[in-house]
Amino acid sequence: MLRQQRKRMAERSFIRAMIKLASAVVPVNRIVRTALTLILSALFVLVLRDLIKHIQVYQGSGNSAPYELELVYHRSVWLVLIFAATLLAAFQKYPMILAVLVTLLASEYISLKMYSRVIGHEFRPVPSTLQGRYAPHPLREAVLSPGIYGPVTHTAEEHRATVNLNKAPNAKLVFVYGASTTYDNGVADNLTWSSALSDILGHDYVVENHGVPGYSTVQHIIQVLFDFRSSPPACTVFYMGGTDLQESNVTDLKPDYSDFLLVKLRNMATVHFLIQRRWALFALLSELDHRTFVPPGRVSRIYDQRLSRIYRQNIKLIAIITQTFGVKPIFVPEIWNDRRLTADSPTILLPYINDSDVMKISKQMDADLEAAANETNSVYLAEPLRADWENADFLDYAHFSAKGSRKLASSIAPRIAAECK
C-alpha cells in the first residue's frame, strides 16, 4: 500500500514537472517564432529594395540589360521563398518546411558572400541569350559560336559582326585582332570601334573584327597562320597588351601561357544551366569546378622581364607571319582607364600587379611593342596614347563605351588609310 502511494506521488510529481516544463517551453517557442518572423520580414524588405534597384538599373542599362534581368529573376525567386517562410513562421505552420526554407535562405546568403571572395567578383549570372557564345577549338581553346547573343552578333566565319555599309566592290580588307577590348563586348555591333573604323575609312575599306575575349599573342600567332590563306587583307591592326599582361610575375612562366591564360580560355565554353543562374550555391560549386586557379607567383611593382622577352618574340612572330602572306601588320597599344586604376592591390584581372602600377608597367610593355614593330619593319601607331581620354570613354578599367570606341577609331583611321594601300 505504501509502495503504491509513493508511486502515485512520483507520477504526480512527474506530471507537475512536465506541465511546468511545457509552460516554460511554449513562451520560448513563441519568442523564437516571433523573432524569426521579424528577421524574415526585415530580410524580405531588404531583398525587395534590392530587386527594385535592379529593375531600375535594367530599365536604363542598355547593353548590360540581359545581365541585370538575370539578377531581377534571381532576386524574385528568393523573394518568393522569403515571403513563404515569413508566412509559415508568423502562422506557426509546417515547421519542417519552414526549417528547410530557412536553411536554403541561409545557404544562399553565405554563398553570395563567399562568391565574391572565392571567384573574385560578385554573383552575376550569364543570361540565357548569351549562353553558348564560345565553342571549344583544338588549337585556340575557344572560338566564337555563330549566332545572335543579345546585342552581339557572331558571323558564320566566327567573327564579331562589323557594320560595313556602302562599300565599293573592290574595297580593301582590313582585319583587326585583339581580345575583349577589340571584340568590344560592352557595346552593340554598330558601335564597336571596328564598325566606327569602317565608317570613318569610307567606301574603299571593309573591316573585319577577329577579336575574341581572352585572346593573347599566343592565339594571334595561330590566327595569322591561317586567316590569310583565302582572302588576305591589305593590312591588319593588332590592338593588344592587356591580356598578355595577366601573365606578369607568374613563377616559371611558360612561353605558351598554358599555366594560366589557356586554361581560362578553355573554360569560356562552359554553359550555365538555369539552376546555376537562380541559385548562387550551385553557381559557386560550378565555378569552383571550372575555376582557373592562378599559378604561383608574387606581386611585383616592376615589369616582368621574362614576360617582356616572350611578348616581344610573339610580336615579331606575328609580324613575320603576317608579312609572309603579303599583309602589312599595324600594331596599336592598348589604352587603360587610369581613373579606375588607383588601388595599391590587384583588384582587376592582373593577379600579380597592383592596380596603381598598371599604367607604369603598361608603358614599358608598349615600348616592347614599338621595338618589336620597328625590328620587323611593321607600323606602330602611338596616336591613341596621345588622345585625351576621359572616364566616360570607358565602361571599366579598359573596355570602351560607344564614345570611347569612336574615339579610338578616329585616332587610328588616318594612319590606317595611309598605310593600307
Protein backbone atom coordinates (compact mmCIF):
# COMPACT_ATOMS: atom_id res chain seq x y z
CA MET A 1 0.00 0.00 0.00
CA LEU A 2 2.76 2.37 0.97
CA ARG A 3 4.61 1.47 -2.24
CA GLN A 4 1.56 2.33 -4.37
CA GLN A 5 1.14 5.69 -2.60
CA ARG A 6 4.77 6.51 -3.26
CA LYS A 7 4.33 5.50 -6.90
CA ARG A 8 1.29 7.80 -7.31
CA MET A 9 3.14 10.67 -5.64
CA ALA A 10 6.05 10.17 -8.01
CA GLU A 11 3.72 10.13 -11.03
CA ARG A 12 2.02 13.34 -9.84
CA SER A 13 5.40 14.99 -9.31
CA PHE A 14 6.48 13.96 -12.81
CA ILE A 15 3.26 15.30 -14.33
CA ARG A 16 3.62 18.61 -12.46
CA ALA A 17 7.23 18.87 -13.64
CA MET A 18 6.23 18.22 -17.27
CA ILE A 19 3.47 20.84 -17.02
CA LYS A 20 5.97 23.38 -15.69
CA LEU A 21 8.43 22.48 -18.46
CA ALA A 22 5.74 22.79 -21.12
CA SER A 23 4.62 26.13 -19.75
CA ALA A 24 8.23 27.33 -19.96
CA VAL A 25 8.84 25.94 -23.47
CA VAL A 26 5.72 27.45 -25.05
CA PRO A 27 6.74 31.08 -24.41
CA VAL A 28 10.29 30.32 -25.58
CA ASN A 29 8.92 28.72 -28.75
CA ARG A 30 6.71 31.74 -29.34
CA ILE A 31 9.63 34.10 -28.80
CA VAL A 32 11.76 32.19 -31.30
CA ARG A 33 8.98 32.17 -33.89
CA THR A 34 8.29 35.87 -33.34
CA ALA A 35 11.98 36.71 -33.67
CA LEU A 36 12.24 34.55 -36.79
CA THR A 37 9.18 36.27 -38.28
CA LEU A 38 10.72 39.68 -37.66
CA ILE A 39 14.07 38.64 -39.14
CA LEU A 40 12.43 37.17 -42.24
CA SER A 41 10.25 40.28 -42.61
CA ALA A 42 13.33 42.51 -42.47
CA LEU A 43 15.09 40.27 -45.00
CA PHE A 44 12.04 40.46 -47.25
CA VAL A 45 12.19 44.26 -47.21
CA LEU A 46 15.93 44.30 -47.96
CA VAL A 47 15.63 41.89 -50.89
CA LEU A 48 12.59 43.77 -52.20
CA ARG A 49 14.56 47.02 -52.18
CA ASP A 50 17.44 45.28 -53.97
CA LEU A 51 15.01 43.86 -56.53
CA ILE A 52 13.57 47.33 -57.21
CA LYS A 53 17.09 48.70 -57.63
CA HIS A 54 17.94 46.06 -60.23
CA ILE A 55 14.66 46.65 -62.06
CA GLN A 56 15.52 50.35 -62.29
CA VAL A 57 19.06 49.57 -63.49
CA TYR A 58 17.65 47.11 -66.02
CA GLN A 59 15.34 49.73 -67.47
CA GLY A 60 18.22 52.10 -68.20
CA SER A 61 21.19 49.78 -68.56
CA GLY A 62 21.30 49.42 -72.35
CA ASN A 63 23.70 46.66 -73.39
CA SER A 64 24.09 45.28 -69.86
CA ALA A 65 20.32 44.81 -69.58
CA PRO A 66 20.42 40.99 -70.06
CA TYR A 67 22.71 40.67 -67.03
CA GLU A 68 20.51 42.91 -64.90
CA LEU A 69 17.42 40.95 -65.98
CA GLU A 70 19.04 37.74 -64.72
CA LEU A 71 19.60 39.41 -61.34
CA VAL A 72 15.95 40.51 -61.34
CA TYR A 73 14.91 36.89 -61.90
CA HIS A 74 17.28 35.69 -59.19
CA ARG A 75 16.06 38.19 -56.60
CA SER A 76 12.42 37.47 -57.47
CA VAL A 77 12.82 33.73 -56.86
CA TRP A 78 14.35 34.27 -53.45
CA LEU A 79 11.88 36.97 -52.56
CA VAL A 80 9.04 34.47 -53.06
CA LEU A 81 10.84 31.92 -50.85
CA ILE A 82 11.39 34.54 -48.13
CA PHE A 83 7.73 35.51 -48.28
CA ALA A 84 6.66 31.86 -47.91
CA ALA A 85 9.00 31.34 -44.95
CA THR A 86 7.70 34.52 -43.30
CA LEU A 87 4.09 33.32 -43.54
CA LEU A 88 4.93 29.89 -42.11
CA ALA A 89 6.80 31.48 -39.20
CA ALA A 90 4.04 34.00 -38.50
CA PHE A 91 1.20 31.45 -38.52
CA GLN A 92 3.27 28.63 -36.97
CA LYS A 93 2.57 26.18 -39.76
CA TYR A 94 4.58 23.29 -41.18
CA PRO A 95 7.75 23.62 -39.07
CA MET A 96 9.69 21.12 -41.20
CA ILE A 97 9.04 23.10 -44.40
CA LEU A 98 9.96 26.29 -42.55
CA ALA A 99 13.24 24.72 -41.40
CA VAL A 100 14.07 23.70 -44.99
CA LEU A 101 13.33 27.20 -46.31
CA VAL A 102 15.40 28.87 -43.59
CA THR A 103 18.28 26.50 -44.39
CA LEU A 104 18.02 27.35 -48.10
CA LEU A 105 17.98 31.07 -47.36
CA ALA A 106 20.99 30.78 -45.07
CA SER A 107 22.92 28.77 -47.69
CA GLU A 108 22.12 31.36 -50.39
CA TYR A 109 23.23 34.24 -48.19
CA ILE A 110 26.51 32.51 -47.35
CA SER A 111 27.06 31.55 -51.00
CA LEU A 112 26.56 35.14 -52.19
CA LYS A 113 29.09 36.37 -49.63
CA MET A 114 31.57 33.63 -50.47
CA TYR A 115 31.18 34.06 -54.24
CA SER A 116 32.92 37.43 -54.45
CA ARG A 117 35.74 36.30 -52.18
CA VAL A 118 36.39 32.97 -53.86
CA ILE A 119 35.68 33.80 -57.52
CA GLY A 120 36.87 37.41 -57.47
CA HIS A 121 33.66 39.20 -58.48
CA GLU A 122 30.05 39.38 -57.36
CA PHE A 123 27.50 36.79 -58.43
CA ARG A 124 26.35 37.87 -61.90
CA PRO A 125 24.63 35.04 -63.79
CA VAL A 126 25.15 34.81 -67.54
CA PRO A 127 21.87 35.48 -69.39
CA SER A 128 20.28 32.66 -71.36
CA THR A 129 20.56 34.79 -74.53
CA LEU A 130 24.35 34.78 -74.13
CA GLN A 131 24.78 31.08 -73.41
CA GLY A 132 26.92 29.19 -75.88
CA ARG A 133 28.80 32.22 -77.21
CA TYR A 134 32.02 30.23 -77.33
CA ALA A 135 32.86 26.81 -78.70
CA PRO A 136 35.90 24.64 -77.96
CA HIS A 137 38.71 24.70 -80.53
CA PRO A 138 41.63 22.24 -80.79
CA LEU A 139 44.25 24.95 -81.43
CA ARG A 140 42.90 28.18 -79.92
CA GLU A 141 40.97 26.61 -76.99
CA ALA A 142 37.85 28.70 -77.70
CA VAL A 143 36.29 30.45 -80.71
CA LEU A 144 33.12 32.47 -81.27
CA SER A 145 29.97 30.44 -81.93
CA PRO A 146 27.91 31.85 -84.82
CA GLY A 147 24.61 33.37 -83.70
CA ILE A 148 22.97 36.35 -82.03
CA TYR A 149 23.66 36.84 -78.33
CA GLY A 150 21.75 39.85 -77.06
CA PRO A 151 23.31 42.95 -78.68
CA VAL A 152 26.21 40.90 -80.06
CA THR A 153 26.28 39.05 -83.39
CA HIS A 154 28.78 36.36 -84.37
CA THR A 155 29.12 35.69 -88.07
CA ALA A 156 29.28 32.30 -89.76
CA GLU A 157 33.04 32.88 -90.08
CA GLU A 158 33.28 33.07 -86.26
CA HIS A 159 33.90 36.84 -86.16
CA ARG A 160 32.22 39.66 -84.24
CA ALA A 161 29.90 41.36 -86.72
CA THR A 162 31.16 44.68 -88.11
CA VAL A 163 28.83 47.12 -89.85
CA ASN A 164 30.20 47.80 -93.35
CA LEU A 165 27.78 49.99 -95.34
CA ASN A 166 28.07 51.37 -98.87
CA LYS A 167 31.37 49.74 -99.74
CA ALA A 168 33.00 49.61 -103.17
CA PRO A 169 33.12 46.19 -104.90
CA ASN A 170 36.93 46.25 -104.80
CA ALA A 171 37.20 47.68 -101.28
CA LYS A 172 40.39 46.80 -99.40
CA LEU A 173 40.12 44.40 -96.48
CA VAL A 174 41.32 45.41 -93.02
CA PHE A 175 41.39 42.74 -90.28
CA VAL A 176 41.52 43.81 -86.62
CA TYR A 177 42.81 41.49 -83.90
CA GLY A 178 42.80 41.61 -80.13
CA ALA A 179 40.98 40.41 -77.04
CA SER A 180 37.79 41.69 -75.38
CA THR A 181 38.72 45.34 -75.98
CA THR A 182 38.81 44.63 -79.72
CA TYR A 183 35.75 42.38 -79.62
CA ASP A 184 34.17 45.35 -77.79
CA ASN A 185 31.86 43.35 -75.56
CA GLY A 186 30.41 46.45 -73.90
CA VAL A 187 28.68 47.88 -76.99
CA ALA A 188 26.35 46.77 -79.79
CA ASP A 189 27.59 45.69 -83.23
CA ASN A 190 27.12 49.11 -84.82
CA LEU A 191 29.03 50.85 -82.01
CA THR A 192 32.22 48.79 -81.86
CA TRP A 193 35.43 50.54 -82.81
CA SER A 194 35.77 48.22 -85.81
CA SER A 195 32.38 49.44 -87.09
CA ALA A 196 33.36 53.04 -86.36
CA LEU A 197 36.66 52.49 -88.19
CA SER A 198 34.80 51.13 -91.21
CA ASP A 199 32.54 54.18 -91.23
CA ILE A 200 35.44 56.65 -90.96
CA LEU A 201 37.56 54.92 -93.61
CA GLY A 202 34.71 55.16 -96.09
CA HIS A 203 33.63 53.12 -99.10
CA ASP A 204 37.14 51.97 -100.05
CA TYR A 205 37.68 49.78 -96.95
CA VAL A 206 35.89 46.80 -95.39
CA VAL A 207 36.77 45.97 -91.78
CA GLU A 208 36.53 42.52 -90.18
CA ASN A 209 36.67 42.09 -86.39
CA HIS A 210 38.72 38.98 -85.49
CA GLY A 211 38.92 39.90 -81.80
CA VAL A 212 37.98 37.28 -79.21
CA PRO A 213 37.75 37.88 -75.43
CA GLY A 214 40.68 36.34 -73.62
CA TYR A 215 42.96 36.07 -76.65
CA SER A 216 46.66 36.82 -76.24
CA THR A 217 49.61 36.91 -78.63
CA VAL A 218 49.65 33.10 -78.49
CA GLN A 219 46.21 32.89 -80.16
CA HIS A 220 47.09 35.70 -82.58
CA ILE A 221 50.07 33.69 -83.83
CA ILE A 222 47.72 30.81 -84.63
CA GLN A 223 45.15 33.14 -86.19
CA VAL A 224 47.58 34.74 -88.65
CA LEU A 225 48.90 31.32 -89.63
CA PHE A 226 45.54 30.50 -91.25
CA ASP A 227 43.37 33.63 -91.63
CA PHE A 228 45.09 34.98 -94.74
CA ARG A 229 45.02 31.85 -96.90
CA SER A 230 41.75 32.50 -98.73
CA SER A 231 41.26 36.29 -98.80
CA PRO A 232 44.33 38.15 -97.49
CA PRO A 233 43.62 41.70 -96.31
CA ALA A 234 45.62 44.76 -97.27
CA CYS A 235 46.66 45.18 -93.67
CA THR A 236 45.93 44.00 -90.17
CA VAL A 237 45.50 46.02 -86.98
CA PHE A 238 46.63 44.37 -83.74
CA TYR A 239 45.28 46.09 -80.61
CA MET A 240 46.98 44.30 -77.76
CA GLY A 241 48.87 44.25 -74.50
CA GLY A 242 46.36 43.79 -71.69
CA THR A 243 45.78 40.05 -71.95
CA ASP A 244 49.47 39.17 -72.04
CA LEU A 245 49.99 41.39 -69.02
CA GLN A 246 47.92 38.91 -66.98
CA GLU A 247 50.89 36.53 -67.08
CA SER A 248 53.09 39.04 -65.23
CA ASN A 249 55.17 37.73 -62.33
CA VAL A 250 53.96 34.13 -62.65
CA THR A 251 56.58 31.73 -61.32
CA ASP A 252 58.32 29.79 -64.12
CA LEU A 253 56.12 31.39 -66.76
CA LYS A 254 55.53 29.07 -69.72
CA PRO A 255 56.06 30.61 -73.18
CA ASP A 256 52.76 29.17 -74.45
CA TYR A 257 50.81 30.62 -71.46
CA SER A 258 49.42 27.15 -70.72
CA ASP A 259 49.84 27.81 -67.00
CA PHE A 260 47.04 30.40 -66.89
CA LEU A 261 45.55 32.08 -69.96
CA LEU A 262 44.96 28.93 -72.00
CA VAL A 263 43.09 27.36 -69.09
CA LYS A 264 40.88 30.46 -68.79
CA LEU A 265 40.06 30.27 -72.48
CA ARG A 266 39.14 26.59 -72.24
CA ASN A 267 36.62 27.39 -69.51
CA MET A 268 34.87 30.08 -71.57
CA ALA A 269 32.85 27.41 -73.40
CA THR A 270 31.17 26.36 -70.12
CA VAL A 271 27.34 26.55 -70.23
CA HIS A 272 25.45 27.82 -67.15
CA PHE A 273 22.17 25.99 -66.54
CA LEU A 274 19.01 27.54 -65.11
CA ILE A 275 19.62 26.28 -61.55
CA GLN A 276 23.09 27.87 -61.60
CA ARG A 277 21.60 31.21 -62.63
CA ARG A 278 18.96 31.13 -59.88
CA TRP A 279 20.92 29.54 -57.04
CA ALA A 280 24.28 31.06 -56.12
CA LEU A 281 25.32 27.91 -54.27
CA PHE A 282 25.19 25.83 -57.45
CA ALA A 283 26.89 28.61 -59.40
CA LEU A 284 29.68 28.75 -56.83
CA LEU A 285 30.19 24.98 -56.91
CA SER A 286 30.24 25.04 -60.73
CA GLU A 287 32.75 27.90 -60.81
CA LEU A 288 35.00 26.07 -58.36
CA ASP A 289 34.85 23.01 -60.60
CA HIS A 290 35.82 25.03 -63.70
CA ARG A 291 37.80 27.73 -62.00
CA THR A 292 41.14 28.80 -63.39
CA PHE A 293 43.39 28.68 -60.40
CA VAL A 294 46.11 31.30 -60.68
CA PRO A 295 49.55 29.66 -60.79
CA PRO A 296 52.17 30.53 -58.16
CA GLY A 297 53.65 33.99 -58.39
CA ARG A 298 54.23 37.18 -56.47
CA VAL A 299 53.09 40.76 -56.75
CA SER A 300 55.80 43.00 -58.14
CA ARG A 301 55.96 46.70 -58.97
CA ILE A 302 58.40 46.22 -61.83
CA TYR A 303 57.93 44.85 -65.34
CA ASP A 304 58.41 41.07 -65.57
CA GLN A 305 61.46 40.63 -67.81
CA ARG A 306 60.65 37.03 -68.73
CA LEU A 307 57.20 38.13 -69.91
CA SER A 308 58.87 41.02 -71.75
CA ARG A 309 61.05 38.64 -73.77
CA ILE A 310 58.16 36.32 -74.59
CA TYR A 311 55.91 39.23 -75.57
CA ARG A 312 58.50 40.76 -77.91
CA GLN A 313 59.21 37.39 -79.50
CA ASN A 314 55.50 36.81 -80.06
CA ILE A 315 55.01 40.25 -81.61
CA LYS A 316 57.88 39.64 -84.01
CA LEU A 317 56.50 36.23 -84.95
CA ILE A 318 53.07 37.76 -85.63
CA ALA A 319 54.66 40.41 -87.83
CA ILE A 320 56.85 37.96 -89.76
CA ILE A 321 53.98 35.52 -90.40
CA THR A 322 51.70 38.37 -91.46
CA GLN A 323 54.30 39.74 -93.86
CA THR A 324 54.90 36.26 -95.29
CA PHE A 325 51.37 36.42 -96.70
CA GLY A 326 51.97 39.88 -98.15
CA VAL A 327 49.92 41.61 -95.45
CA LYS A 328 51.07 44.75 -93.63
CA PRO A 329 50.95 44.47 -89.82
CA ILE A 330 49.94 47.55 -87.80
CA PHE A 331 50.33 47.46 -84.02
CA VAL A 332 48.30 49.65 -81.66
CA PRO A 333 48.99 49.79 -77.89
CA GLU A 334 46.07 49.08 -75.59
CA ILE A 335 44.55 52.03 -73.70
CA TRP A 336 43.81 51.86 -69.96
CA ASN A 337 41.45 53.96 -67.87
CA ASP A 338 43.81 55.34 -65.23
CA ARG A 339 40.86 56.70 -63.19
CA ARG A 340 39.87 53.12 -62.32
CA LEU A 341 43.42 52.00 -61.52
CA THR A 342 44.19 53.54 -58.14
CA ALA A 343 44.23 50.64 -55.66
CA ASP A 344 47.53 49.51 -54.16
CA SER A 345 46.49 45.89 -54.65
CA PRO A 346 45.49 43.63 -57.55
CA THR A 347 41.73 44.01 -58.00
CA ILE A 348 41.23 43.62 -61.76
CA LEU A 349 42.28 40.70 -63.98
CA LEU A 350 46.01 41.06 -63.30
CA PRO A 351 46.70 38.73 -60.36
CA TYR A 352 50.25 39.91 -59.58
CA ILE A 353 50.17 43.62 -60.49
CA ASN A 354 48.75 46.32 -58.25
CA ASP A 355 46.17 48.49 -59.99
CA SER A 356 48.22 51.60 -59.27
CA ASP A 357 51.20 50.10 -61.13
CA VAL A 358 49.34 49.11 -64.32
CA MET A 359 49.89 52.39 -66.15
CA LYS A 360 53.63 52.42 -65.42
CA ILE A 361 54.17 48.78 -66.43
CA SER A 362 51.93 49.02 -69.49
CA LYS A 363 54.09 51.87 -70.80
CA GLN A 364 57.09 49.54 -70.68
CA MET A 365 55.06 46.89 -72.47
CA ASP A 366 54.12 49.47 -75.10
CA ALA A 367 57.83 50.16 -75.55
CA ASP A 368 58.35 46.44 -76.22
CA LEU A 369 55.53 46.54 -78.78
CA GLU A 370 57.08 49.53 -80.54
CA ALA A 371 60.56 47.99 -80.53
CA ALA A 372 59.31 44.68 -81.96
CA ALA A 373 57.35 46.55 -84.64
CA ASN A 374 60.41 48.57 -85.63
CA GLU A 375 62.63 45.47 -85.74
CA THR A 376 60.24 43.83 -88.22
CA ASN A 377 59.58 46.96 -90.31
CA SER A 378 55.98 46.99 -89.14
CA VAL A 379 53.82 50.01 -88.32
CA TYR A 380 53.39 51.20 -84.74
CA LEU A 381 50.60 53.71 -84.05
CA ALA A 382 51.19 55.84 -80.98
CA GLU A 383 48.32 58.21 -81.80
CA PRO A 384 45.87 56.63 -79.29
CA LEU A 385 48.36 57.26 -76.47
CA ARG A 386 48.24 60.99 -77.24
CA ALA A 387 44.43 61.20 -77.31
CA ASP A 388 42.57 62.95 -74.50
CA TRP A 389 40.89 60.01 -72.77
CA GLU A 390 38.10 60.57 -70.24
CA ASN A 391 36.35 58.30 -67.76
CA ALA A 392 33.22 58.47 -69.96
CA ASP A 393 35.18 56.77 -72.74
CA PHE A 394 35.28 53.53 -70.73
CA LEU A 395 32.88 51.11 -69.13
CA ASP A 396 35.51 49.94 -66.66
CA TYR A 397 39.31 49.82 -66.50
CA ALA A 398 39.85 49.18 -70.24
CA HIS A 399 36.67 48.32 -72.16
CA PHE A 400 35.26 51.14 -74.25
CA SER A 401 31.91 52.83 -74.15
CA ALA A 402 30.41 53.77 -77.52
CA LYS A 403 32.09 57.15 -77.18
CA GLY A 404 35.48 55.61 -76.45
CA SER A 405 35.21 53.15 -79.34
CA ARG A 406 34.57 56.03 -81.73
CA LYS A 407 37.49 57.98 -80.30
CA LEU A 408 39.92 55.08 -80.78
CA ALA A 409 38.75 54.58 -84.36
CA SER A 410 39.13 58.29 -85.08
CA SER A 411 42.68 58.36 -83.69
CA ILE A 412 43.95 55.50 -85.89
CA ALA A 413 41.87 55.89 -89.07
CA PRO A 414 44.08 58.45 -90.86
CA ARG A 415 47.23 56.36 -90.48
CA ILE A 416 45.44 53.16 -91.47
CA ALA A 417 44.12 54.81 -94.62
CA ALA A 418 47.64 55.95 -95.42
CA GLU A 419 49.29 52.59 -94.70
CA CYS A 420 46.70 50.21 -96.21
CA LYS A 421 47.17 50.98 -99.89
